[in-house]
Amino acid sequence: MAPRIALQLYTVRDKMQTAEEAIATIGRVAEIGYKNVEFAGYGLLGAQKAREVCDANGLSICSTHAGFPTNDDEIKQLIEDHQIMGCTMPGIGGMPGEYRSSAEGFAKFAAMASEVGAKLAEAGMTFIYHNHSFELVRFGDKTGLDILVENADKSVGFELDLYWVQHGGGSPVAWINKLGSRAPVLHFKDMGITSDMQQYFAEVGEGNLDWPGILAAAEASGAKYAIVEQDICQRDSLEAVANSFRNMVAMGLPV
């Protein structure tokens, strides 16, 4: 089955500057047709209120980006928050900068992520890691992302961001195939190009990514969610996510 459409709320962050705005915007997201959302931090509302607002709008919280927990108390709180939200895939948006400059740094972070992943797995959750393009830096014959995948415990999943893989010179299709079930969620965003060769974030289906190939690979891999994320919108952010939603429905993705 094809992955279900979701929205990373970071895309509409300009309309979520206060708790009141966040509540109203989540309602607008539901009106567009989304049934699943991913929070990029939920501190503005708190776990309980985030759950209440999403429940009231017929939305499920499929995954999150939160801070990387560094001790048992933070892991315990992360688990409790996600149990409240009914969410089984807590994640982070990227590794801290101090681990990015060497193969040893990537391997060290993979070990740290594995410790978190193992504890979350005991609670029935999957810890997910979201990439940018810096993970495609090469150390000899391996990229940083290769090192992460090879050194992280199987309890660590990956949230493959297709734009950033392409930005780093990788193949989104090849990476979906490589990760398989280890990438239960995918970030869908498109890449456009200007006449003076400047890349930009485009709505899904409005740029140049290989969507037929991506969709076939995503379905074969068993990915659960195709999450719209647009770091910088070229129009009103709600209009942008509505356009991506319509295009993805037209591609045959379920809500």
Foldseek 3Di string as FASTA:
>chain_A
DFAAEEAECLLQVVQPPAVVSVLVVLLLVLVLPHAEYEYADDVRQALQRVQVSSVVSNHAYAEYADDDDDDPVSLVVVLVSCVNRVYQEYEHAADDPVLLPALVSLLVVLVVVQVSLVVSVVVVHAYEYEDALSQQDDDPPDGSVRSSVVRHDLSYAYAYEQVRCVVNVHALLVVLQVRQLSHQHYEAWAWAADPVGDIAIAAHPPHDHPVVSNRVSNVRSNRHYHYYDHNDYPDNSSVRVSVNVVVVVVVVHHD
